[in-house]
PDB file of N, CA and C in Angstrom:
ATOM      1  N   MET A   1      14.083  -1.304  20.615  1.00  0.00           N
ATOM      2  CA  MET A   1      14.849  -2.511  20.873  1.00  0.00           C
ATOM      3  C   MET A   1      16.311  -2.126  21.074  1.00  0.00           C
ATOM      4  N   ALA A   2      16.860  -2.485  22.207  1.00  0.00           N
ATOM      5  CA  ALA A   2      18.261  -2.187  22.510  1.00  0.00           C
ATOM      6  C   ALA A   2      19.167  -3.211  21.837  1.00  0.00           C
ATOM      7  N   PHE A   3      20.291  -2.748  21.382  1.00  0.00           N
ATOM      8  CA  PHE A   3      21.278  -3.601  20.716  1.00  0.00           C
ATOM      9  C   PHE A   3      22.490  -3.703  21.625  1.00  0.00           C
ATOM     10  N   ASP A   4      22.731  -4.883  22.180  1.00  0.00           N
ATOM     11  CA  ASP A   4      23.821  -5.099  23.126  1.00  0.00           C
ATOM     12  C   ASP A   4      25.122  -5.366  22.362  1.00  0.00           C
ATOM     13  N   VAL A   5      25.839  -4.310  22.067  1.00  0.00           N
ATOM     14  CA  VAL A   5      27.066  -4.411  21.274  1.00  0.00           C
ATOM     15  C   VAL A   5      28.105  -5.287  21.974  1.00  0.00           C
ATOM     16  N   ALA A   6      28.263  -5.145  23.271  1.00  0.00           N
ATOM     17  CA  ALA A   6      29.257  -5.933  24.008  1.00  0.00           C
ATOM     18  C   ALA A   6      28.964  -7.427  23.913  1.00  0.00           C
ATOM     19  N   ARG A   7      27.689  -7.808  23.988  1.00  0.00           N
ATOM     20  CA  ARG A   7      27.337  -9.229  23.883  1.00  0.00           C
ATOM     21  C   ARG A   7      27.655  -9.767  22.499  1.00  0.00           C
ATOM     22  N   ILE A   8      27.316  -9.004  21.468  1.00  0.00           N
ATOM     23  CA  ILE A   8      27.586  -9.438  20.098  1.00  0.00           C
ATOM     24  C   ILE A   8      29.079  -9.536  19.846  1.00  0.00           C
ATOM     25  N   ARG A   9      29.835  -8.524  20.263  1.00  0.00           N
ATOM     26  CA  ARG A   9      31.295  -8.568  20.091  1.00  0.00           C
ATOM     27  C   ARG A   9      31.898  -9.764  20.821  1.00  0.00           C
ATOM     28  N   GLY A  10      31.307 -10.137  21.957  1.00  0.00           N
ATOM     29  CA  GLY A  10      31.796 -11.278  22.726  1.00  0.00           C
ATOM     30  C   GLY A  10      31.652 -12.606  22.010  1.00  0.00           C
ATOM     31  N   LEU A  11      30.793 -12.667  21.016  1.00  0.00           N
ATOM     32  CA  LEU A  11      30.610 -13.898  20.244  1.00  0.00           C
ATOM     33  C   LEU A  11      31.730 -14.125  19.234  1.00  0.00           C
ATOM     34  N   PHE A  12      32.512 -13.077  18.951  1.00  0.00           N
ATOM     35  CA  PHE A  12      33.554 -13.139  17.930  1.00  0.00           C
ATOM     36  C   PHE A  12      34.932 -13.022  18.585  1.00  0.00           C
ATOM     37  N   PRO A  13      35.704 -14.118  18.657  1.00  0.00           N
ATOM     38  CA  PRO A  13      37.015 -14.073  19.288  1.00  0.00           C
ATOM     39  C   PRO A  13      37.945 -13.015  18.687  1.00  0.00           C
ATOM     40  N   ALA A  14      37.847 -12.765  17.390  1.00  0.00           N
ATOM     41  CA  ALA A  14      38.733 -11.797  16.740  1.00  0.00           C
ATOM     42  C   ALA A  14      38.483 -10.374  17.222  1.00  0.00           C
ATOM     43  N   LEU A  15      37.330 -10.129  17.837  1.00  0.00           N
ATOM     44  CA  LEU A  15      37.003  -8.784  18.302  1.00  0.00           C
ATOM     45  C   LEU A  15      37.303  -8.594  19.785  1.00  0.00           C
ATOM     46  N   GLY A  16      37.885  -9.585  20.414  1.00  0.00           N
ATOM     47  CA  GLY A  16      38.147  -9.536  21.843  1.00  0.00           C
ATOM     48  C   GLY A  16      39.255  -8.595  22.263  1.00  0.00           C
ATOM     49  N   ASP A  17      40.031  -8.101  21.310  1.00  0.00           N
ATOM     50  CA  ASP A  17      41.153  -7.234  21.675  1.00  0.00           C
ATOM     51  C   ASP A  17      40.765  -5.762  21.747  1.00  0.00           C
ATOM     52  N   GLY A  18      39.493  -5.437  21.454  1.00  0.00           N
ATOM     53  CA  GLY A  18      39.025  -4.065  21.549  1.00  0.00           C
ATOM     54  C   GLY A  18      39.218  -3.238  20.290  1.00  0.00           C
ATOM     55  N   TRP A  19      39.875  -3.777  19.303  1.00  0.00           N
ATOM     56  CA  TRP A  19      40.080  -3.065  18.043  1.00  0.00           C
ATOM     57  C   TRP A  19      38.902  -3.280  17.120  1.00  0.00           C
ATOM     58  N   ILE A  20      38.697  -2.374  16.191  1.00  0.00           N
ATOM     59  CA  ILE A  20      37.696  -2.548  15.144  1.00  0.00           C
ATOM     60  C   ILE A  20      38.428  -3.078  13.919  1.00  0.00           C
ATOM     61  N   HIS A  21      37.989  -4.220  13.423  1.00  0.00           N
ATOM     62  CA  HIS A  21      38.616  -4.839  12.255  1.00  0.00           C
ATOM     63  C   HIS A  21      37.712  -4.622  11.050  1.00  0.00           C
ATOM     64  N   LEU A  22      38.185  -3.895  10.066  1.00  0.00           N
ATOM     65  CA  LEU A  22      37.421  -3.688   8.841  1.00  0.00           C
ATOM     66  C   LEU A  22      37.771  -4.829   7.896  1.00  0.00           C
ATOM     67  N   ASP A  23      36.846  -5.745   7.734  1.00  0.00           N
ATOM     68  CA  ASP A  23      37.092  -6.978   7.013  1.00  0.00           C
ATOM     69  C   ASP A  23      36.114  -7.094   5.855  1.00  0.00           C
ATOM     70  N   ALA A  24      36.533  -7.771   4.802  1.00  0.00           N
ATOM     71  CA  ALA A  24      35.653  -8.003   3.659  1.00  0.00           C
ATOM     72  C   ALA A  24      34.457  -8.860   4.081  1.00  0.00           C
ATOM     73  N   SER A  25      33.454  -8.895   3.246  1.00  0.00           N
ATOM     74  CA  SER A  25      32.226  -9.630   3.595  1.00  0.00           C
ATOM     75  C   SER A  25      32.463 -11.119   3.802  1.00  0.00           C
ATOM     76  N   ALA A  26      33.450 -11.678   3.167  1.00  0.00           N
ATOM     77  CA  ALA A  26      33.767 -13.100   3.342  1.00  0.00           C
ATOM     78  C   ALA A  26      35.024 -13.261   4.192  1.00  0.00           C
ATOM     79  N   GLY A  27      35.162 -12.411   5.172  1.00  0.00           N
ATOM     80  CA  GLY A  27      36.357 -12.393   6.014  1.00  0.00           C
ATOM     81  C   GLY A  27      36.417 -13.535   7.008  1.00  0.00           C
ATOM     82  N   MET A  28      37.404 -13.477   7.857  1.00  0.00           N
ATOM     83  CA  MET A  28      37.673 -14.554   8.793  1.00  0.00           C
ATOM     84  C   MET A  28      37.149 -14.284  10.200  1.00  0.00           C
ATOM     85  N   GLN A  29      36.339 -13.268  10.378  1.00  0.00           N
ATOM     86  CA  GLN A  29      35.777 -13.003  11.701  1.00  0.00           C
ATOM     87  C   GLN A  29      34.524 -13.848  11.867  1.00  0.00           C
ATOM     88  N   VAL A  30      34.699 -14.986  12.480  1.00  0.00           N
ATOM     89  CA  VAL A  30      33.578 -15.912  12.658  1.00  0.00           C
ATOM     90  C   VAL A  30      33.233 -16.020  14.142  1.00  0.00           C
ATOM     91  N   PRO A  31      31.979 -16.302  14.444  1.00  0.00           N
ATOM     92  CA  PRO A  31      31.584 -16.483  15.842  1.00  0.00           C
ATOM     93  C   PRO A  31      32.279 -17.695  16.454  1.00  0.00           C
ATOM     94  N   GLU A  32      32.471 -17.662  17.751  1.00  0.00           N
ATOM     95  CA  GLU A  32      33.119 -18.771  18.474  1.00  0.00           C
ATOM     96  C   GLU A  32      32.415 -20.093  18.191  1.00  0.00           C
ATOM     97  N   GLN A  33      31.087 -20.081  18.149  1.00  0.00           N
ATOM     98  CA  GLN A  33      30.330 -21.305  17.905  1.00  0.00           C
ATOM     99  C   GLN A  33      30.685 -21.925  16.549  1.00  0.00           C
ATOM    100  N   VAL A  34      30.881 -21.112  15.539  1.00  0.00           N
ATOM    101  CA  VAL A  34      31.246 -21.605  14.210  1.00  0.00           C
ATOM    102  C   VAL A  34      32.680 -22.142  14.221  1.00  0.00           C
ATOM    103  N   ALA A  35      33.601 -21.408  14.840  1.00  0.00           N
ATOM    104  CA  ALA A  35      34.991 -21.854  14.912  1.00  0.00           C
ATOM    105  C   ALA A  35      35.103 -23.195  15.634  1.00  0.00           C
ATOM    106  N   THR A  36      34.331 -23.355  16.700  1.00  0.00           N
ATOM    107  CA  THR A  36      34.341 -24.623  17.442  1.00  0.00           C
ATOM    108  C   THR A  36      33.786 -25.760  16.590  1.00  0.00           C
ATOM    109  N   ALA A  37      32.705 -25.501  15.859  1.00  0.00           N
ATOM    110  CA  ALA A  37      32.114 -26.540  15.008  1.00  0.00           C
ATOM    111  C   ALA A  37      33.075 -26.960  13.905  1.00  0.00           C
ATOM    112  N   VAL A  38      33.748 -26.007  13.282  1.00  0.00           N
ATOM    113  CA  VAL A  38      34.709 -26.330  12.223  1.00  0.00           C
ATOM    114  C   VAL A  38      35.882 -27.117  12.806  1.00  0.00           C
ATOM    115  N   SER A  39      36.378 -26.701  13.945  1.00  0.00           N
ATOM    116  CA  SER A  39      37.491 -27.394  14.598  1.00  0.00           C
ATOM    117  C   SER A  39      37.108 -28.831  14.946  1.00  0.00           C
ATOM    118  N   THR A  40      35.908 -29.007  15.479  1.00  0.00           N
ATOM    119  CA  THR A  40      35.435 -30.361  15.827  1.00  0.00           C
ATOM    120  C   THR A  40      35.321 -31.224  14.576  1.00  0.00           C
ATOM    121  N   ALA A  41      34.795 -30.664  13.501  1.00  0.00           N
ATOM    122  CA  ALA A  41      34.640 -31.435  12.264  1.00  0.00           C
ATOM    123  C   ALA A  41      35.990 -31.817  11.683  1.00  0.00           C
ATOM    124  N   MET A  42      36.974 -30.950  11.807  1.00  0.00           N
ATOM    125  CA  MET A  42      38.297 -31.239  11.236  1.00  0.00           C
ATOM    126  C   MET A  42      39.065 -32.268  12.061  1.00  0.00           C
ATOM    127  N   ARG A  43      38.686 -32.444  13.310  1.00  0.00           N
ATOM    128  CA  ARG A  43      39.355 -33.434  14.167  1.00  0.00           C
ATOM    129  C   ARG A  43      38.694 -34.809  14.092  1.00  0.00           C
ATOM    130  N   ALA A  44      37.516 -34.877  13.498  1.00  0.00           N
ATOM    131  CA  ALA A  44      36.776 -36.129  13.398  1.00  0.00           C
ATOM    132  C   ALA A  44      37.292 -36.960  12.208  1.00  0.00           C
ATOM    133  N   PRO A  45      37.065 -38.270  12.257  1.00  0.00           N
ATOM    134  CA  PRO A  45      37.458 -39.097  11.119  1.00  0.00           C
ATOM    135  C   PRO A  45      36.758 -38.627   9.842  1.00  0.00           C
ATOM    136  N   VAL A  46      37.475 -38.713   8.713  1.00  0.00           N
ATOM    137  CA  VAL A  46      36.933 -38.248   7.445  1.00  0.00           C
ATOM    138  C   VAL A  46      35.943 -39.233   6.866  1.00  0.00           C
ATOM    139  N   SER A  47      36.250 -40.505   6.962  1.00  0.00           N
ATOM    140  CA  SER A  47      35.332 -41.516   6.424  1.00  0.00           C
ATOM    141  C   SER A  47      34.653 -42.249   7.577  1.00  0.00           C
ATOM    142  N   GLY A  48      33.456 -42.718   7.309  1.00  0.00           N
ATOM    143  CA  GLY A  48      32.709 -43.336   8.402  1.00  0.00           C
ATOM    144  C   GLY A  48      32.322 -44.729   8.174  1.00  0.00           C
TER     145      GLY A  48
END
């Protein structure tokens, strides 16, 4: 099974600069999909 490193790195905006970031297990390198979901939730009304 081939592992497409470029595709996986492309999912993480923090890795787009070509550097390797050594981050703790609970670090801030999140996939674009997660960052978008959090941003959308924070822009939505708090109470419904």
